[in-house]
Protein backbone atom coordinates (compact mmCIF):
# COMPACT_ATOMS: atom_id res chain seq x y z
CA MET A 1 62.89 107.57 -26.99
CA LYS A 2 64.69 106.05 -24.10
CA LYS A 3 63.37 108.76 -21.84
CA MET A 4 59.83 108.20 -23.01
CA SER A 5 60.27 104.49 -22.58
CA SER A 6 61.49 104.95 -19.02
CA ASN A 7 58.59 107.29 -18.27
CA SER A 8 56.10 104.85 -19.72
CA HIS A 9 57.26 102.21 -17.21
CA GLY A 10 57.14 104.60 -14.23
CA PRO A 11 53.42 104.23 -13.40
CA ASP A 12 53.65 100.46 -13.78
CA ASN A 13 56.56 100.34 -11.35
CA ARG A 14 54.66 102.49 -8.87
CA ARG A 15 51.58 100.28 -9.33
CA ASP A 16 53.70 97.19 -8.62
CA GLU A 17 55.19 98.84 -5.56
CA ASN A 18 51.70 99.69 -4.27
CA THR A 19 50.52 96.14 -4.87
CA VAL A 20 53.48 94.68 -3.02
CA GLU A 21 52.99 97.14 -0.17
CA SER A 22 49.27 96.27 0.03
CA LEU A 23 50.08 92.57 0.22
CA ALA A 24 52.71 93.27 2.83
CA GLU A 25 50.13 95.15 4.92
CA VAL A 26 47.79 92.14 4.79
CA PHE A 27 50.55 89.93 6.16
CA ARG A 28 51.43 92.25 9.03
CA CYS A 29 50.52 91.49 12.67
CA PHE A 30 47.47 93.59 13.58
CA ILE A 31 48.82 93.92 17.15
CA CYS A 32 52.44 95.02 16.73
CA MET A 33 52.08 96.10 13.04
CA GLU A 34 55.34 94.34 12.21
CA LYS A 35 56.19 91.38 10.02
CA LEU A 36 54.53 88.15 11.14
CA ARG A 37 56.50 85.88 13.46
CA ASP A 38 55.13 82.39 14.01
CA ALA A 39 51.83 83.43 12.45
CA ARG A 40 48.48 82.54 14.04
CA LEU A 41 44.95 83.14 12.72
CA CYS A 42 41.84 84.05 14.69
CA PRO A 43 39.12 81.48 13.91
CA HIS A 44 36.42 84.15 14.21
CA CYS A 45 37.66 87.09 12.10
CA SER A 46 40.56 85.37 10.20
CA LYS A 47 43.01 88.13 11.16
CA LEU A 48 46.72 87.25 11.22
CA CYS A 49 48.98 88.02 14.16
CA CYS A 50 52.24 86.98 15.77
CA PHE A 51 52.00 84.15 18.26
CA PRO A 52 54.04 86.00 20.96
CA CYS A 53 51.79 89.06 20.57
CA ILE A 54 48.47 87.22 20.80
CA ARG A 55 49.76 85.00 23.62
CA ARG A 56 50.80 88.04 25.63
CA TRP A 57 47.42 89.67 24.95
CA LEU A 58 45.39 86.62 26.00
CA THR A 59 47.55 86.03 29.07
CA GLU A 60 47.91 89.59 30.38
CA GLN A 61 44.79 91.35 29.06
CA ARG A 62 41.65 89.32 28.45
CA SER A 63 40.57 86.10 26.75
CA GLN A 64 39.11 87.67 23.60
CA CYS A 65 40.33 88.64 20.15
CA PRO A 66 41.63 92.26 20.14
CA HIS A 67 40.15 92.79 16.65
CA CYS A 68 36.67 91.22 16.70
CA ARG A 69 36.28 90.98 20.54
CA ALA A 70 35.10 87.39 20.29
CA SER A 71 35.97 84.96 23.09
CA LEU A 72 39.32 83.37 22.29
CA HIS A 73 41.77 80.96 23.97
CA ILE A 74 45.30 80.02 22.95
CA HIS A 75 44.37 76.47 21.98
CA GLU A 76 41.75 77.84 19.52
CA LEU A 77 44.32 79.75 17.40
CA VAL A 78 45.04 78.37 13.93
CA ASN A 79 48.72 77.79 13.16
CA CYS A 80 49.49 79.33 9.71
CA ARG A 81 52.68 77.58 8.63
CA TRP A 82 52.27 78.86 5.07
CA ALA A 83 52.44 82.49 6.18
CA GLU A 84 56.23 82.36 6.62
CA GLU A 85 56.73 81.37 2.98
CA VAL A 86 54.41 84.16 1.82
CA THR A 87 56.23 86.77 3.89
CA GLN A 88 59.57 85.58 2.49
CA GLN A 89 58.27 85.96 -1.06
CA LEU A 90 56.95 89.42 -0.22
CA ASP A 91 60.35 90.36 1.16
CA SER A 92 61.95 89.22 -2.08
CA LEU A 93 59.46 91.29 -4.10
CA GLN A 94 60.05 94.32 -1.92
CA HIS A 95 63.82 94.05 -2.29
CA SER A 96 63.41 93.88 -6.06
CA THR A 97 61.56 97.24 -6.24
CA PRO A 98 63.51 100.48 -6.93
CA GLN A 99 62.84 101.76 -3.46
CA HIS A 100 64.54 98.77 -1.88
CA ARG A 101 67.30 98.92 -4.42
CA GLY A 102 67.81 102.48 -3.22
CA ASP A 103 67.92 101.13 0.34
CA ARG A 104 70.64 98.70 -0.69
CA ASP A 105 72.54 101.56 -2.30
CA LEU A 106 72.19 103.55 0.92
CA ASN A 107 73.51 100.61 2.91
CA SER A 108 76.44 100.27 0.52
CA TRP A 109 77.37 103.90 1.17
CA LYS A 110 77.71 103.02 4.86
CA GLU A 111 80.53 100.63 3.88
CA ILE A 112 82.58 103.48 2.25
CA CYS A 113 85.24 105.53 4.01
CA ILE A 114 84.08 109.15 4.11
CA GLU A 115 87.62 110.56 3.81
CA HIS A 116 89.08 108.39 1.03
CA GLN A 117 85.88 107.05 -0.63
CA GLU A 118 87.32 103.56 -0.30
CA LYS A 119 85.64 100.44 0.91
CA LEU A 120 86.06 99.72 4.62
CA SER A 121 88.34 96.68 4.79
CA VAL A 122 90.48 97.08 7.95
CA TYR A 123 89.54 96.98 11.64
CA CYS A 124 91.68 99.08 14.01
CA TRP A 125 91.94 97.01 17.17
CA THR A 126 93.32 99.96 19.13
CA CYS A 127 90.61 102.48 18.17
CA LYS A 128 87.86 99.86 17.80
CA GLN A 129 86.90 101.40 14.42
CA CYS A 130 86.41 100.18 10.85
CA ILE A 131 88.71 102.00 8.39
CA CYS A 132 89.89 101.66 4.81
CA HIS A 133 93.34 100.50 3.78
CA GLN A 134 94.51 104.08 3.07
CA CYS A 135 93.63 105.17 6.61
CA ALA A 136 95.62 102.22 7.92
CA LEU A 137 98.68 102.82 5.69
CA TRP A 138 98.93 106.58 5.32
CA GLY A 139 96.57 108.13 7.81
CA GLY A 140 98.44 109.63 10.71
CA MET A 141 95.67 108.97 13.18
CA HIS A 142 96.23 105.17 13.21
CA SER A 143 100.04 104.99 13.13
CA GLY A 144 101.39 102.33 15.46
CA HIS A 145 97.94 100.77 15.98
CA THR A 146 97.06 97.10 15.70
CA PHE A 147 95.01 96.14 12.63
CA ARG A 148 92.99 93.10 11.68
CA PRO A 149 91.12 92.24 8.47
CA LEU A 150 87.51 93.45 8.60
CA ASP A 151 86.23 90.23 7.04
CA GLY A 152 87.80 88.17 9.82
CA MET A 153 86.39 90.44 12.51
CA TYR A 154 83.00 90.30 10.80
CA GLU A 155 82.98 86.51 10.83
CA GLU A 156 84.15 86.45 14.45
CA HIS A 157 81.50 88.90 15.64
CA LYS A 158 78.85 87.26 13.51
CA SER A 159 79.74 83.89 15.03
CA LYS A 160 79.44 85.32 18.56
CA LEU A 161 76.12 86.98 17.81
CA THR A 162 74.84 83.84 16.08
CA THR A 163 75.80 81.75 19.11
CA GLU A 164 74.15 84.16 21.52
CA LEU A 165 71.13 84.43 19.25
CA SER A 166 70.75 80.67 19.13
CA GLN A 167 70.87 80.55 22.94
CA LEU A 168 68.29 83.29 23.13
CA LYS A 169 66.08 81.44 20.64
CA SER A 170 66.51 78.26 22.65
CA ARG A 171 65.58 80.05 25.85
CA HIS A 172 62.72 81.75 24.03
CA SER A 173 61.42 78.38 22.89
CA GLU A 174 61.72 77.04 26.42
CA LEU A 175 59.77 80.00 27.75
CA ILE A 176 57.09 79.46 25.12
CA CYS A 177 56.88 75.81 26.12
CA LEU A 178 56.65 76.79 29.79
CA VAL A 179 53.90 79.28 28.99
CA GLN A 180 52.06 76.60 27.04
CA ASP A 181 52.51 74.18 29.92
CA VAL A 182 51.06 76.75 32.32
CA GLU A 183 48.19 77.38 29.88
CA HIS A 184 47.51 73.65 29.70
CA ASN A 185 47.70 73.47 33.49
CA ILE A 186 45.19 76.32 33.78
CA GLU A 187 42.87 74.58 31.35
CA SER A 188 43.24 71.26 33.17
CA VAL A 189 42.47 72.91 36.52
CA LYS A 190 39.39 74.63 35.08
CA ASN A 191 38.26 71.40 33.43
CA ALA A 192 38.76 69.48 36.68
CA LYS A 193 36.71 72.07 38.56
CA ASP A 194 33.96 71.93 35.91
CA GLU A 195 34.00 68.14 36.14
CA ARG A 196 33.56 68.25 39.92
CA VAL A 197 30.72 70.76 39.50
CA ARG A 198 29.04 68.43 37.00
CA GLU A 199 29.47 65.50 39.37
CA ILE A 200 28.01 67.47 42.27
CA ARG A 201 25.08 68.66 40.18
CA ASN A 202 24.37 65.14 38.96
CA ALA A 203 24.60 63.80 42.51
CA VAL A 204 22.31 66.53 43.83
CA GLU A 205 19.80 65.87 41.05
CA LEU A 206 19.78 62.17 41.95
CA MET A 207 19.32 63.05 45.64
CA ILE A 208 16.43 65.34 44.78
CA ALA A 209 14.90 62.58 42.66
CA ARG A 210 15.16 60.15 45.58
CA LEU A 211 13.56 62.72 47.89
CA GLU A 212 10.74 63.15 45.37
CA ASN A 213 10.21 59.37 45.37
CA GLN A 214 10.09 59.35 49.17
CA LEU A 215 7.60 62.22 49.08
CA LYS A 216 5.42 60.37 46.56
CA SER A 217 5.42 57.26 48.74
CA LYS A 218 4.48 59.23 51.86
CA LEU A 219 1.83 61.25 50.03
CA LEU A 220 0.38 58.08 48.54
CA THR A 221 -0.17 56.70 52.03
CA LEU A 222 -1.53 59.97 53.37
CA VAL A 223 -3.83 60.56 50.40
CA GLY A 224 -5.20 57.04 50.83
CA GLN A 225 -5.90 57.76 54.49
CA ARG A 226 -7.53 61.08 53.59
CA ASN A 227 -9.77 59.48 50.96
CA GLN A 228 -10.84 56.78 53.35
CA LEU A 229 -11.62 59.32 56.05
CA SER A 230 -13.45 61.48 53.51
CA GLN A 231 -15.66 58.52 52.67
CA GLU A 232 -16.37 58.01 56.36
CA VAL A 233 -17.21 61.69 56.73
CA THR A 234 -19.63 61.41 53.81
CA VAL A 235 -21.40 58.47 55.45
CA TRP A 236 -21.65 60.34 58.74
CA ASP A 237 -22.90 63.48 56.97
CA PHE A 238 -25.64 61.44 55.32
CA THR A 239 -26.65 59.88 58.62
CA ILE A 240 -26.64 63.20 60.47
CA GLU A 241 -28.66 64.93 57.75
CA LYS A 242 -31.19 62.08 57.69
CA VAL A 243 -31.68 62.10 61.47
CA GLU A 244 -31.93 65.90 61.56
CA ALA A 245 -34.57 65.78 58.82
CA GLU A 246 -36.56 63.19 60.80
CA LEU A 247 -36.34 65.35 63.92
CA ARG A 248 -37.46 68.40 61.99
CA ASP A 249 -40.25 66.93 59.85
CA ASP A 250 -41.76 63.98 61.76
CA GLY A 251 -44.51 64.37 64.24
CA LYS A 252 -44.36 63.20 67.82
CA ALA A 253 -45.99 59.85 67.26
CA GLU A 254 -44.04 59.11 64.10
CA LEU A 255 -40.76 60.09 65.78
CA VAL A 256 -41.49 57.75 68.69
CA MET A 257 -42.22 54.93 66.27
CA ARG A 258 -39.04 55.55 64.21
CA CYS A 259 -36.72 56.12 67.16
CA LYS A 260 -35.69 52.47 67.26
CA ASP A 261 -34.80 52.51 63.54
CA LEU A 262 -32.79 55.73 63.89
CA LEU A 263 -30.82 54.35 66.84
CA GLU A 264 -30.09 51.22 64.84
CA LEU A 265 -28.84 53.45 62.00
CA PHE A 266 -26.48 55.15 64.46
CA ARG A 267 -25.10 51.81 65.63
CA GLN A 268 -24.59 50.54 62.09
CA THR A 269 -22.71 53.69 61.11
CA GLN A 270 -20.49 53.45 64.17
CA ARG A 271 -19.77 49.74 63.57
CA GLN A 272 -18.77 50.35 59.98
CA SER A 273 -16.37 53.20 60.76
CA SER A 274 -15.02 52.42 64.21
CA SER A 275 -12.10 50.41 62.83
CA THR A 276 -10.93 53.15 60.49
CA PHE A 277 -10.70 56.06 62.95
CA VAL A 278 -7.14 55.10 64.02
CA THR A 279 -4.62 56.11 61.34
CA THR A 280 -0.88 55.55 61.41
CA PRO A 281 0.95 58.89 61.14
CA VAL A 282 3.61 59.16 58.44
CA PRO A 283 6.90 60.58 59.75
CA ALA A 284 7.80 63.94 58.21
CA ASP A 285 11.55 63.30 58.17
CA PHE A 286 13.64 62.87 55.02
CA THR A 287 17.13 61.42 55.11
CA SER A 288 19.77 63.90 53.90
CA GLU A 289 22.67 62.51 51.88
CA ILE A 290 24.70 65.71 52.28
CA VAL A 291 24.30 66.86 55.88
CA PRO A 292 24.64 64.31 58.73
CA GLN A 293 21.94 63.87 61.35
CA TYR A 294 22.25 65.40 64.81
CA ASP A 295 23.59 63.44 67.79
CA SER A 296 21.56 64.49 70.82
CA SER A 297 21.42 64.18 74.58
CA THR A 298 19.07 65.37 77.30
CA PHE A 299 20.11 67.21 80.48
CA VAL A 300 17.59 67.13 83.34
CA MET A 301 18.42 69.77 85.96
CA LYS A 302 16.83 68.82 89.28
CA ASN A 303 16.63 71.17 92.27
CA PHE A 304 16.91 74.16 89.97
CA GLY A 305 16.20 76.66 92.76
CA MET A 306 19.09 75.37 94.86
CA LEU A 307 21.38 75.49 91.84
CA ARG A 308 20.41 79.14 91.28
CA GLN A 309 21.40 80.01 94.83
CA ARG A 310 24.85 78.46 94.37
CA ALA A 311 25.41 80.58 91.22
CA ASP A 312 28.01 78.08 89.95
CA PRO A 313 28.03 76.57 86.44
CA VAL A 314 26.42 73.15 86.12
CA TYR A 315 27.71 70.57 83.64
CA SER A 316 25.66 67.94 81.86
CA PRO A 317 26.78 64.33 81.41
CA PRO A 318 29.11 64.09 78.39
CA LEU A 319 27.88 63.21 74.92
CA PHE A 320 30.50 61.06 73.13
CA VAL A 321 30.45 61.26 69.34
CA HIS A 322 33.31 59.57 67.42
CA GLY A 323 35.86 60.32 70.13
CA LEU A 324 34.63 63.89 70.65
CA SER A 325 33.20 64.75 74.06
CA TRP A 326 30.48 67.41 74.30
CA ARG A 327 28.64 68.74 77.34
CA LEU A 328 26.38 71.61 78.32
CA LYS A 329 27.64 74.31 80.64
CA VAL A 330 24.66 76.01 82.27
CA TYR A 331 24.62 79.05 84.55
CA PRO A 332 21.29 78.66 86.43
CA ASP A 333 21.43 82.25 87.72
CA GLY A 334 22.98 83.77 84.58
CA ASN A 335 26.53 84.64 83.60
CA GLY A 336 28.29 87.98 84.01
CA VAL A 337 26.24 91.10 83.40
CA VAL A 338 22.98 89.12 83.00
CA ARG A 339 23.28 87.35 86.37
CA GLY A 340 19.95 87.16 88.16
CA ASN A 341 17.99 87.98 84.98
CA TYR A 342 18.68 85.39 82.29
CA LEU A 343 19.47 81.70 82.03
CA SER A 344 22.87 81.28 80.29
CA VAL A 345 23.52 78.08 78.32
CA PHE A 346 26.75 77.12 76.51
CA LEU A 347 28.00 74.06 74.63
CA GLU A 348 31.55 72.95 75.41
CA LEU A 349 33.89 70.70 73.42
CA SER A 350 35.76 69.04 76.29
CA ALA A 351 37.79 66.56 74.19
CA GLY A 352 38.45 66.24 70.48
CA LEU A 353 40.72 67.06 67.59
CA PRO A 354 43.60 69.48 68.25
CA GLU A 355 42.70 71.79 65.34
CA THR A 356 39.78 74.19 65.16
CA SER A 357 36.68 72.83 63.42
CA LYS A 358 33.19 74.14 62.71
CA TYR A 359 30.18 72.33 64.16
CA GLU A 360 26.46 73.01 64.08
CA TYR A 361 24.61 72.79 67.35
CA ARG A 362 21.09 73.24 68.72
CA VAL A 363 19.96 73.86 72.30
CA GLU A 364 16.30 73.23 73.14
CA MET A 365 14.41 73.92 76.37
CA VAL A 366 11.44 71.59 76.77
CA HIS A 367 7.96 72.96 77.59
CA GLN A 368 6.93 70.64 80.44
CA THR A 369 3.33 71.65 81.12
CA SER A 370 2.21 70.48 77.67
CA ARG A 371 3.20 67.96 75.05
CA ASP A 372 3.24 70.61 72.32
CA TRP A 373 6.79 70.56 70.93
CA THR A 374 6.14 73.81 69.06
CA LYS A 375 6.32 75.65 72.39
CA ASN A 376 9.89 74.50 73.04
CA ILE A 377 12.55 77.23 72.99
CA VAL A 378 15.11 76.31 70.30
CA ARG A 379 18.38 78.12 69.58
CA GLU A 380 20.71 76.87 66.86
CA PHE A 381 23.98 78.15 65.44
CA ALA A 382 27.32 77.08 63.91
CA SER A 383 30.66 77.97 65.51
CA ASP A 384 34.35 77.14 65.28
CA PHE A 385 35.25 74.99 68.28
CA GLU A 386 38.60 74.35 69.89
CA VAL A 387 39.04 71.90 72.74
CA GLY A 388 37.90 73.57 75.96
CA GLU A 389 35.95 76.37 74.26
CA CYS A 390 32.29 77.17 74.98
CA TRP A 391 29.83 78.70 72.55
CA GLY A 392 26.24 79.52 73.34
CA TYR A 393 23.89 82.18 74.67
CA ASN A 394 24.20 84.52 77.63
CA ARG A 395 20.55 85.56 77.27
CA PHE A 396 18.97 82.18 76.61
CA PHE A 397 15.70 82.83 78.51
CA ARG A 398 14.39 85.13 81.23
CA LEU A 399 14.52 83.53 84.67
CA ASP A 400 11.30 85.13 85.90
CA LEU A 401 9.33 83.56 83.03
CA LEU A 402 10.55 79.98 83.40
CA ALA A 403 7.76 78.88 85.73
CA ASN A 404 5.07 81.18 84.33
CA GLU A 405 5.66 80.01 80.76
CA GLY A 406 5.63 76.33 81.72
CA TYR A 407 9.30 75.45 81.27
CA LEU A 408 10.06 74.92 84.97
CA LYS A 409 7.91 72.52 86.95
CA PRO A 410 7.35 74.09 90.39
CA GLU A 411 6.35 70.82 92.06
CA SER A 412 9.52 68.99 90.98
CA ASP A 413 11.76 72.08 90.49
CA THR A 414 13.10 70.49 87.28
CA LEU A 415 14.35 72.06 84.03
CA VAL A 416 14.89 69.93 80.93
CA LEU A 417 17.41 70.93 78.24
CA ARG A 418 18.02 68.94 75.08
CA TYR A 419 21.15 69.64 73.02
CA GLN A 420 22.22 68.38 69.60
CA VAL A 421 25.48 68.68 67.65
CA ARG A 422 26.75 67.55 64.26
CA PRO A 423 29.52 68.26 61.74
CA PRO A 424 28.29 70.31 58.76
CA THR A 425 29.31 67.69 56.15
CA PHE A 426 29.83 63.95 55.86
CA TYR A 427 33.44 64.66 54.88
CA GLN A 428 34.10 66.21 58.29
CA LYS A 429 32.24 63.40 59.99
CA CYS A 430 34.44 60.83 58.24
CA ARG A 431 37.49 62.87 59.25
CA ASP A 432 36.42 62.75 62.91
CA GLN A 433 35.82 59.02 62.66
CA GLN A 434 39.23 58.45 61.09
CA TRP A 435 40.87 60.48 63.86
CA TYR A 436 39.09 58.38 66.48
CA ILE A 437 40.14 55.16 64.71
CA ASN A 438 43.74 56.36 64.76
CA GLN A 439 43.45 57.04 68.51
CA LEU A 440 42.08 53.55 69.15
CA GLU A 441 44.76 51.93 66.99
CA SER A 442 47.47 53.87 68.81
CA ALA A 443 46.11 52.76 72.18
CA GLN A 444 45.79 49.20 70.91
CA SER A 445 49.40 49.10 69.73
CA GLN A 446 50.57 50.37 73.13
CA TYR A 447 48.56 47.73 74.96
CA ILE A 448 50.02 45.05 72.70
CA GLN A 449 53.52 46.32 73.43
CA GLN A 450 52.87 46.39 77.18
CA ASN A 451 51.46 42.86 77.03
CA ASN A 452 54.49 41.59 75.12
CA ASP A 453 56.86 43.27 77.58
CA LEU A 454 55.11 41.62 80.51
CA LYS A 455 55.31 38.23 78.81
CA ASP A 456 59.03 38.68 78.14
CA ARG A 457 59.67 39.68 81.76
CA LEU A 458 57.70 36.68 83.02
CA LEU A 459 59.62 34.26 80.82
CA LEU A 460 62.90 35.84 81.92
CA GLU A 461 62.00 35.47 85.62
CA MET A 462 60.96 31.87 85.08
CA SER A 463 64.20 31.04 83.28
CA ARG A 464 66.26 32.66 86.05
CA SER A 465 64.40 30.65 88.71
CA THR A 466 65.04 27.46 86.78
CA SER A 467 68.77 28.20 86.35
CA LYS A 468 69.26 28.80 90.13
CA SER A 469 68.18 25.20 90.95
CA PRO A 470 69.74 22.87 88.34
CA GLY A 471 68.48 19.27 88.49
CA LYS A 472 65.71 20.21 90.90
CA LYS A 473 62.20 21.32 90.36
CA ALA A 474 62.02 24.98 91.28
CA ASN A 475 59.42 25.73 93.91
CA VAL A 476 58.95 29.39 93.06
CA PRO A 477 55.55 30.88 93.73
CA VAL A 478 54.09 32.35 90.58
CA PRO A 479 51.31 34.95 90.77
CA GLU A 480 48.00 34.06 89.24
CA SER A 481 48.19 36.98 86.77
CA ALA A 482 51.59 35.79 85.63
CA MET A 483 50.21 32.28 85.05
CA LEU A 484 47.44 33.76 82.96
CA LEU A 485 49.98 35.67 80.89
CA ALA A 486 52.06 32.55 80.42
CA ASP A 487 49.02 30.57 79.35
CA SER A 488 48.02 33.22 76.86
CA HIS A 489 51.53 33.52 75.36
CA ALA A 490 50.61 31.14 72.56
CA LEU A 491 47.46 33.08 71.68
CA ASP A 492 47.24 35.51 68.79
CA THR A 493 48.28 39.00 69.94
CA SER A 494 45.50 40.58 67.95
CA GLY A 495 42.94 38.95 70.24
CA THR A 496 44.71 40.31 73.31
CA ALA A 497 44.87 43.75 71.76
CA ALA A 498 41.22 43.71 70.89
CA ALA A 499 40.35 42.84 74.48
CA ALA A 500 42.58 45.63 75.77
CA ALA A 501 41.35 48.31 73.37
CA PRO A 502 39.19 51.00 75.03
CA SER A 503 35.50 51.02 74.36
CA PRO A 504 33.94 54.02 72.62
CA SER A 505 31.74 54.65 75.65
CA SER A 506 34.69 55.33 77.96
CA PRO A 507 37.33 57.39 76.16
CA SER A 508 38.39 59.07 79.38
CA SER A 509 39.82 55.81 80.72
CA SER A 510 41.88 55.30 77.58
CA GLN A 511 43.16 58.85 77.86
CA SER A 512 44.36 58.35 81.41
CA THR A 513 46.18 55.07 80.72
CA THR A 514 47.61 55.96 77.33
CA PRO A 515 50.15 58.81 77.43
CA ALA A 516 50.63 58.82 73.66
CA THR A 517 46.94 59.28 72.86
CA GLN A 518 46.64 62.88 71.69
CA VAL A 519 43.26 63.71 73.17
CA VAL A 520 43.24 67.25 74.49
CA THR A 521 40.97 67.89 77.45
CA ALA A 522 39.69 71.08 78.96
CA SER A 523 41.65 70.54 82.17
CA SER A 524 44.96 70.66 80.24
CA LYS A 525 44.17 74.06 78.76
CA PRO A 526 44.13 76.98 81.25
CA ASN A 527 41.48 79.62 80.84
CA ALA A 528 39.79 77.50 78.19
CA PHE A 529 36.26 78.74 78.76
CA ARG A 530 35.71 82.01 76.99
CA GLU A 531 32.09 82.95 77.52
CA GLN A 532 31.68 86.53 76.42
CA GLN A 533 29.60 88.52 78.82
CA ALA A 534 27.74 90.44 76.16
CA ASP A 535 24.49 92.34 76.34
CA ASP A 536 23.19 91.01 73.04
CA ASP A 537 21.50 87.66 72.55
CA ASP A 538 23.77 86.39 69.79
CA ASP A 539 26.15 83.47 69.87
CA ASP A 540 28.61 84.25 72.65
CA GLU A 541 32.09 82.95 73.05
């Protein structure tokens, strides 16, 4: 009966084991297939996984769930705090099954001495082995060795491992926090970038809207002019058709009799429309809020034929823009391999910032025999300029076609070149302006210091002259400039500095009198011009 009873419970026990195992499989990490550690849940497919596993996957692989392939980020994971309690209960159920009881029995056999079938209770310090008390007392292998109780050694080793484990857990937690900080930093950087993109898009949309409003205003004026002119054309069409009909249909006598009336009709039509023939053109320019406008200058080359014979480069007057000095460098007879065939034109940055910067430039040769600006030869490009460098075109235009095409006036032997330059963004333009302000402030501070030094020297000389003649009025001749300095000693130094500061139109003078002003010129840089004598017509260095 007992046997039957035990057999009757066998299937139930196996069913319970299967149920527990099935539940345990549900609460396993679907990445490492081990027991859940710091469980997290995917919000898309509700699969459970370990937080270290899913964090490593999202960080090293890709930002999507490895099970359902949906887009997933660390901050979207659901923290399942209840999963730890469930796994603990499952562990308890698994340990209560016969299989796990067998595992405990197997582990207990590991604590038994194989030779004496006694429980291991002694630790041989000499052999570094766990033995039973019979091995320690009567076994010949451990005679004369040092022994310690196994329980004490267990507690000691357990304490060491626990301490090390706690340090590892602490470091592990720190690493997790660092990883989370980096993840948050990544998210914040991405969010900041997205915010800037949104700001730029909103700003561009507003700029486009303002351009549309400008276009509507211009078109409103132009459409009004067109409608008014269309009405005038209709009146003239009517008059012309009427007169042509009279000329075609009337006889000679009738035409002679109606000639006075037709001429009066002509005069009336002309009087009514004469005031409306002059229309004000609407400029086709639109102000850009992103790209600055060009700063331009014109270079008139007189006696071009004589300049060609010299074959030396010709420089235009400088164009000063926010402390930067630009000028054209023209080879009237060509440069290098194209000499005698092509006009070579280059733009040079003769003074400016010490670092390399990109600028957009445009060189235009004016068509002088007509006022049609569409016939002008225009070349434009963008290059990285350093102080003293030239960028431009070796093959700007054929020399033999200058006069034939109308760009060179034979009677005056004059060639007109117009050049324009600008920074590509307002940010760079503001940077150039700030650099120029710093240069002016530096020069101003030096002038103030020089002025104060001269005042101090003047006062010192006056006091020495007074001390040499006590009780008498010193008759020491004082220069007029010194008297002016003495009179201005009580003035505010800011006014003196403002008067001494260099004007924007003459930066070269401030450069020569101010050694600390860091304006680099082409003369201070040997071999600064680097025109490339190339056969192509691209931008040459």
